[in-house]
Amino acid sequence: MRIQKVSLLRPAKFADRFLRKGTLTDGEEVKSFYKGIRDMLVITNKRIITIDKKGLTGKKQAYISTPFDQIVSYAIVTAGEFNLESDVNIYISGLGYIQANILRPTSNIDNLVNILNELLFK
């Protein structure tokens, strides 16, 4: 069961204005940030946060915050010749999975994989 999908993401420079005030805790630092036209994926040293903007204006937002100890695995499907994006599925214990679509080039997904490996399997 997919619990959230964030789409059209590319690596970007993180700015505090992208998140609601109070989302990050004391001592939490952003390791990687992906931004789409509306959606976002934030990886910190403590958790993964996905933001899915809803509606015409995007004022309604669905935030899912997943601590690393709840992540059981992840899967990657790289972009094919005619595909525009690679998919990353992050499986969460007892809930389902979060799907993130990372736009081409396929190398855009490399930093995400390295950070997931570092934080999940150290």
N, C-alpha and C. Protein backbone atom coordinates (compact mmCIF):
# COMPACT_ATOMS: atom_id res chain seq x y z
N MET A 1 0.83 -1.17 0.00
CA MET A 1 0.00 0.00 0.00
C MET A 1 0.88 1.25 0.00
N ARG A 2 0.73 2.08 -1.00
CA ARG A 2 1.49 3.33 -1.06
C ARG A 2 0.77 4.37 -0.20
N ILE A 3 1.54 5.00 0.71
CA ILE A 3 0.92 5.99 1.57
C ILE A 3 1.14 7.42 1.08
N GLN A 4 2.16 7.61 0.23
CA GLN A 4 2.35 8.94 -0.35
C GLN A 4 3.25 8.84 -1.57
N LYS A 5 3.00 9.72 -2.54
CA LYS A 5 3.83 9.81 -3.73
C LYS A 5 4.21 11.27 -3.92
N VAL A 6 5.52 11.50 -4.06
CA VAL A 6 6.00 12.85 -4.38
C VAL A 6 6.66 12.76 -5.76
N SER A 7 6.37 13.74 -6.61
CA SER A 7 6.73 13.63 -8.02
C SER A 7 7.58 14.78 -8.54
N LEU A 8 8.22 14.51 -9.67
CA LEU A 8 8.97 15.49 -10.44
C LEU A 8 10.07 16.17 -9.62
N LEU A 9 10.80 15.38 -8.84
CA LEU A 9 11.81 15.92 -7.94
C LEU A 9 13.18 15.99 -8.59
N ARG A 10 13.94 17.02 -8.21
CA ARG A 10 15.34 17.18 -8.62
C ARG A 10 16.12 17.63 -7.40
N PRO A 11 17.42 17.29 -7.33
CA PRO A 11 18.23 17.81 -6.23
C PRO A 11 18.20 19.33 -6.24
N ALA A 12 18.14 19.94 -5.08
CA ALA A 12 18.08 21.40 -4.98
C ALA A 12 18.78 21.83 -3.70
N LYS A 13 19.06 23.11 -3.63
CA LYS A 13 19.64 23.67 -2.41
C LYS A 13 18.50 23.93 -1.43
N PHE A 14 18.69 23.47 -0.19
CA PHE A 14 17.64 23.62 0.82
C PHE A 14 17.62 25.03 1.37
N ALA A 15 16.41 25.55 1.59
CA ALA A 15 16.22 26.84 2.24
C ALA A 15 15.13 26.67 3.29
N ASP A 16 15.31 27.30 4.45
CA ASP A 16 14.34 27.16 5.54
C ASP A 16 12.92 27.53 5.13
N ARG A 17 12.77 28.38 4.15
CA ARG A 17 11.44 28.82 3.75
C ARG A 17 10.62 27.70 3.10
N PHE A 18 11.26 26.59 2.73
CA PHE A 18 10.54 25.49 2.10
C PHE A 18 9.71 24.68 3.09
N LEU A 19 10.07 24.70 4.38
CA LEU A 19 9.36 23.92 5.38
C LEU A 19 8.59 24.81 6.34
N ARG A 20 7.53 24.26 6.88
CA ARG A 20 6.78 24.97 7.92
C ARG A 20 7.68 25.19 9.12
N LYS A 21 7.53 26.33 9.75
CA LYS A 21 8.32 26.64 10.94
C LYS A 21 8.06 25.58 12.01
N GLY A 22 9.13 25.12 12.63
CA GLY A 22 9.02 24.12 13.68
C GLY A 22 9.08 22.68 13.19
N THR A 23 9.21 22.47 11.88
CA THR A 23 9.27 21.10 11.36
C THR A 23 10.56 20.41 11.80
N LEU A 24 11.68 21.11 11.67
CA LEU A 24 12.96 20.53 12.08
C LEU A 24 13.17 20.72 13.58
N THR A 25 13.76 19.73 14.22
CA THR A 25 14.01 19.79 15.66
C THR A 25 15.40 20.35 15.92
N ASP A 26 15.69 20.66 17.19
CA ASP A 26 17.02 21.14 17.57
C ASP A 26 18.06 20.08 17.22
N GLY A 27 19.13 20.50 16.59
CA GLY A 27 20.21 19.58 16.22
C GLY A 27 19.95 18.79 14.95
N GLU A 28 18.81 19.00 14.32
CA GLU A 28 18.51 18.27 13.09
C GLU A 28 19.05 19.06 11.90
N GLU A 29 19.79 18.38 11.04
CA GLU A 29 20.35 19.05 9.87
C GLU A 29 19.95 18.32 8.60
N VAL A 30 19.72 19.10 7.56
CA VAL A 30 19.31 18.55 6.26
C VAL A 30 20.54 17.98 5.56
N LYS A 31 20.45 16.69 5.19
CA LYS A 31 21.53 16.01 4.48
C LYS A 31 21.34 16.08 2.97
N SER A 32 20.08 16.02 2.54
CA SER A 32 19.77 16.04 1.11
C SER A 32 18.36 16.60 0.94
N PHE A 33 18.17 17.32 -0.17
CA PHE A 33 16.88 17.95 -0.42
C PHE A 33 16.55 17.81 -1.89
N TYR A 34 15.34 17.36 -2.17
CA TYR A 34 14.83 17.24 -3.53
C TYR A 34 13.55 18.04 -3.62
N LYS A 35 13.43 18.84 -4.67
CA LYS A 35 12.25 19.68 -4.84
C LYS A 35 11.68 19.47 -6.23
N GLY A 36 10.37 19.41 -6.28
CA GLY A 36 9.65 19.34 -7.55
C GLY A 36 8.91 20.64 -7.77
N ILE A 37 8.00 20.61 -8.70
CA ILE A 37 7.18 21.78 -8.95
C ILE A 37 6.38 22.11 -7.70
N ARG A 38 5.86 21.08 -7.05
CA ARG A 38 5.07 21.27 -5.83
C ARG A 38 5.57 20.42 -4.67
N ASP A 39 6.04 19.22 -4.94
CA ASP A 39 6.40 18.27 -3.89
C ASP A 39 7.86 18.40 -3.47
N MET A 40 8.17 17.86 -2.27
CA MET A 40 9.54 17.90 -1.74
C MET A 40 9.86 16.61 -0.98
N LEU A 41 11.14 16.29 -0.95
CA LEU A 41 11.69 15.18 -0.17
C LEU A 41 12.88 15.73 0.58
N VAL A 42 12.84 15.62 1.91
CA VAL A 42 13.91 16.15 2.76
C VAL A 42 14.49 14.99 3.55
N ILE A 43 15.80 14.81 3.48
CA ILE A 43 16.46 13.80 4.30
C ILE A 43 17.34 14.52 5.29
N THR A 44 17.07 14.29 6.57
CA THR A 44 17.86 14.91 7.63
C THR A 44 18.72 13.83 8.28
N ASN A 45 19.46 14.21 9.30
CA ASN A 45 20.25 13.23 10.03
C ASN A 45 19.39 12.36 10.95
N LYS A 46 18.07 12.63 11.04
CA LYS A 46 17.19 11.88 11.93
C LYS A 46 16.03 11.17 11.24
N ARG A 47 15.61 11.68 10.07
CA ARG A 47 14.40 11.15 9.45
C ARG A 47 14.29 11.57 7.99
N ILE A 48 13.26 11.05 7.34
CA ILE A 48 12.88 11.46 5.99
C ILE A 48 11.54 12.18 6.10
N ILE A 49 11.43 13.33 5.45
CA ILE A 49 10.19 14.09 5.42
C ILE A 49 9.77 14.24 3.96
N THR A 50 8.53 13.85 3.67
CA THR A 50 7.99 14.08 2.34
C THR A 50 6.85 15.08 2.45
N ILE A 51 6.79 15.99 1.50
CA ILE A 51 5.75 17.00 1.47
C ILE A 51 5.04 16.91 0.12
N ASP A 52 3.75 16.63 0.18
CA ASP A 52 2.93 16.50 -1.01
C ASP A 52 1.91 17.64 -0.97
N LYS A 53 2.05 18.58 -1.88
CA LYS A 53 1.12 19.72 -1.93
C LYS A 53 -0.13 19.32 -2.69
N LYS A 54 -1.27 19.70 -2.15
CA LYS A 54 -2.56 19.29 -2.69
C LYS A 54 -3.34 20.49 -3.20
N GLY A 55 -4.31 20.23 -4.03
CA GLY A 55 -5.23 21.27 -4.49
C GLY A 55 -4.63 22.20 -5.52
N LEU A 56 -5.43 23.13 -5.99
CA LEU A 56 -5.00 24.07 -7.02
C LEU A 56 -3.94 25.05 -6.54
N THR A 57 -4.08 25.52 -5.31
CA THR A 57 -3.15 26.53 -4.80
C THR A 57 -1.93 25.91 -4.11
N GLY A 58 -2.03 24.66 -3.71
CA GLY A 58 -0.92 24.03 -3.01
C GLY A 58 -0.82 24.43 -1.55
N LYS A 59 -1.83 25.14 -1.04
CA LYS A 59 -1.79 25.55 0.37
C LYS A 59 -2.03 24.37 1.30
N LYS A 60 -2.80 23.39 0.84
CA LYS A 60 -3.00 22.18 1.63
C LYS A 60 -1.81 21.27 1.36
N GLN A 61 -1.13 20.85 2.44
CA GLN A 61 0.07 20.04 2.30
C GLN A 61 0.00 18.82 3.19
N ALA A 62 0.46 17.69 2.68
CA ALA A 62 0.54 16.46 3.47
C ALA A 62 2.01 16.21 3.78
N TYR A 63 2.37 16.27 5.06
CA TYR A 63 3.72 16.00 5.53
C TYR A 63 3.75 14.59 6.10
N ILE A 64 4.71 13.78 5.68
CA ILE A 64 4.95 12.49 6.32
C ILE A 64 6.38 12.51 6.82
N SER A 65 6.54 12.29 8.11
CA SER A 65 7.84 12.28 8.76
C SER A 65 8.12 10.85 9.21
N THR A 66 9.19 10.26 8.70
CA THR A 66 9.50 8.88 8.99
C THR A 66 10.89 8.77 9.63
N PRO A 67 10.96 8.33 10.90
CA PRO A 67 12.27 8.14 11.51
C PRO A 67 12.99 6.96 10.85
N PHE A 68 14.31 7.03 10.83
CA PHE A 68 15.08 5.99 10.14
C PHE A 68 14.88 4.60 10.72
N ASP A 69 14.61 4.50 12.03
CA ASP A 69 14.44 3.17 12.61
C ASP A 69 13.15 2.49 12.17
N GLN A 70 12.25 3.21 11.49
CA GLN A 70 11.02 2.62 10.96
C GLN A 70 11.15 2.20 9.50
N ILE A 71 12.24 2.59 8.86
CA ILE A 71 12.47 2.23 7.46
C ILE A 71 13.10 0.84 7.42
N VAL A 72 12.45 -0.06 6.69
CA VAL A 72 12.94 -1.43 6.65
C VAL A 72 13.73 -1.73 5.36
N SER A 73 13.44 -1.01 4.30
CA SER A 73 14.19 -1.20 3.05
C SER A 73 13.82 -0.10 2.06
N TYR A 74 14.54 -0.10 0.96
CA TYR A 74 14.18 0.80 -0.14
C TYR A 74 14.45 0.09 -1.45
N ALA A 75 13.76 0.52 -2.49
CA ALA A 75 13.94 -0.04 -3.82
C ALA A 75 14.09 1.10 -4.81
N ILE A 76 14.89 0.84 -5.84
CA ILE A 76 15.14 1.85 -6.87
C ILE A 76 14.83 1.25 -8.23
N VAL A 77 14.13 2.02 -9.05
CA VAL A 77 13.91 1.68 -10.45
C VAL A 77 14.47 2.83 -11.25
N THR A 78 15.56 2.58 -11.97
CA THR A 78 16.20 3.66 -12.72
C THR A 78 15.41 3.98 -13.98
N ALA A 79 15.64 5.18 -14.50
CA ALA A 79 14.94 5.63 -15.71
C ALA A 79 15.40 4.83 -16.91
N GLY A 80 14.44 4.41 -17.71
CA GLY A 80 14.75 3.72 -18.95
C GLY A 80 14.93 4.73 -20.08
N GLU A 81 15.02 4.22 -21.27
CA GLU A 81 15.26 5.08 -22.42
C GLU A 81 14.14 6.09 -22.64
N PHE A 82 12.91 5.68 -22.40
CA PHE A 82 11.78 6.56 -22.67
C PHE A 82 11.15 7.12 -21.39
N ASN A 83 11.66 6.73 -20.24
CA ASN A 83 11.14 7.22 -18.96
C ASN A 83 11.78 8.56 -18.62
N LEU A 84 11.02 9.41 -17.96
CA LEU A 84 11.54 10.71 -17.54
C LEU A 84 12.11 10.69 -16.13
N GLU A 85 11.75 9.66 -15.35
CA GLU A 85 12.20 9.67 -13.96
C GLU A 85 12.57 8.28 -13.47
N SER A 86 13.35 8.30 -12.37
CA SER A 86 13.66 7.10 -11.62
C SER A 86 12.73 7.09 -10.41
N ASP A 87 12.39 5.90 -9.95
CA ASP A 87 11.52 5.77 -8.78
C ASP A 87 12.31 5.25 -7.60
N VAL A 88 12.05 5.81 -6.43
CA VAL A 88 12.59 5.31 -5.17
C VAL A 88 11.40 4.99 -4.29
N ASN A 89 11.29 3.75 -3.87
CA ASN A 89 10.25 3.33 -2.94
C ASN A 89 10.91 3.09 -1.59
N ILE A 90 10.43 3.78 -0.56
CA ILE A 90 10.98 3.66 0.79
C ILE A 90 9.92 2.95 1.63
N TYR A 91 10.24 1.72 2.08
CA TYR A 91 9.29 0.88 2.80
C TYR A 91 9.37 1.13 4.29
N ILE A 92 8.18 1.36 4.90
CA ILE A 92 8.08 1.73 6.30
C ILE A 92 7.37 0.61 7.05
N SER A 93 7.96 0.18 8.15
CA SER A 93 7.43 -0.92 8.94
C SER A 93 5.97 -0.68 9.32
N GLY A 94 5.11 -1.61 8.91
CA GLY A 94 3.71 -1.58 9.29
C GLY A 94 2.82 -0.58 8.56
N LEU A 95 3.38 0.24 7.68
CA LEU A 95 2.58 1.27 7.02
C LEU A 95 2.43 1.10 5.52
N GLY A 96 3.46 0.68 4.85
CA GLY A 96 3.46 0.65 3.39
C GLY A 96 4.72 1.30 2.89
N TYR A 97 4.59 2.11 1.84
CA TYR A 97 5.79 2.75 1.29
C TYR A 97 5.49 4.15 0.76
N ILE A 98 6.56 4.91 0.68
CA ILE A 98 6.53 6.24 0.09
C ILE A 98 7.23 6.13 -1.25
N GLN A 99 6.65 6.70 -2.29
CA GLN A 99 7.27 6.67 -3.61
C GLN A 99 7.71 8.07 -3.99
N ALA A 100 8.97 8.19 -4.41
CA ALA A 100 9.50 9.47 -4.90
C ALA A 100 9.95 9.28 -6.33
N ASN A 101 9.53 10.17 -7.22
CA ASN A 101 9.94 10.14 -8.62
C ASN A 101 11.01 11.21 -8.82
N ILE A 102 12.24 10.77 -9.13
CA ILE A 102 13.37 11.67 -9.32
C ILE A 102 13.60 11.83 -10.83
N LEU A 103 13.57 13.08 -11.31
CA LEU A 103 13.72 13.34 -12.74
C LEU A 103 15.13 13.05 -13.24
N ARG A 104 15.24 12.79 -14.52
CA ARG A 104 16.53 12.55 -15.19
C ARG A 104 17.51 13.68 -14.92
N PRO A 105 18.78 13.48 -15.02
CA PRO A 105 19.45 12.23 -15.36
C PRO A 105 19.42 11.25 -14.20
N THR A 106 19.66 9.97 -14.51
CA THR A 106 19.65 8.93 -13.50
C THR A 106 20.63 9.23 -12.37
N SER A 107 21.70 9.96 -12.66
CA SER A 107 22.69 10.29 -11.62
C SER A 107 22.08 11.16 -10.51
N ASN A 108 20.92 11.78 -10.73
CA ASN A 108 20.26 12.57 -9.68
C ASN A 108 19.89 11.71 -8.48
N ILE A 109 19.77 10.42 -8.70
CA ILE A 109 19.37 9.52 -7.63
C ILE A 109 20.58 9.03 -6.81
N ASP A 110 21.79 9.19 -7.32
CA ASP A 110 22.98 8.65 -6.67
C ASP A 110 23.19 9.20 -5.27
N ASN A 111 23.06 10.50 -5.09
CA ASN A 111 23.25 11.10 -3.77
C ASN A 111 22.22 10.57 -2.77
N LEU A 112 20.99 10.41 -3.21
CA LEU A 112 19.93 9.88 -2.36
C LEU A 112 20.27 8.46 -1.90
N VAL A 113 20.72 7.62 -2.81
CA VAL A 113 21.10 6.25 -2.47
C VAL A 113 22.26 6.23 -1.49
N ASN A 114 23.27 7.06 -1.74
CA ASN A 114 24.42 7.11 -0.82
C ASN A 114 24.01 7.52 0.59
N ILE A 115 23.14 8.50 0.70
CA ILE A 115 22.70 8.96 2.02
C ILE A 115 21.84 7.91 2.69
N LEU A 116 20.93 7.25 1.96
CA LEU A 116 20.13 6.18 2.55
C LEU A 116 21.02 5.06 3.06
N ASN A 117 22.01 4.68 2.27
CA ASN A 117 22.93 3.62 2.71
C ASN A 117 23.69 4.03 3.97
N GLU A 118 24.17 5.25 3.98
CA GLU A 118 24.94 5.76 5.13
C GLU A 118 24.09 5.80 6.40
N LEU A 119 22.87 6.29 6.29
CA LEU A 119 22.04 6.48 7.48
C LEU A 119 21.31 5.21 7.92
N LEU A 120 20.99 4.32 7.00
CA LEU A 120 20.25 3.11 7.35
C LEU A 120 21.13 1.92 7.70
N PHE A 121 22.31 1.85 7.12
CA PHE A 121 23.11 0.64 7.25
C PHE A 121 24.47 0.85 7.88
N LYS A 122 24.60 1.89 8.68
CA LYS A 122 25.90 2.12 9.33
C LYS A 122 26.08 1.26 10.55
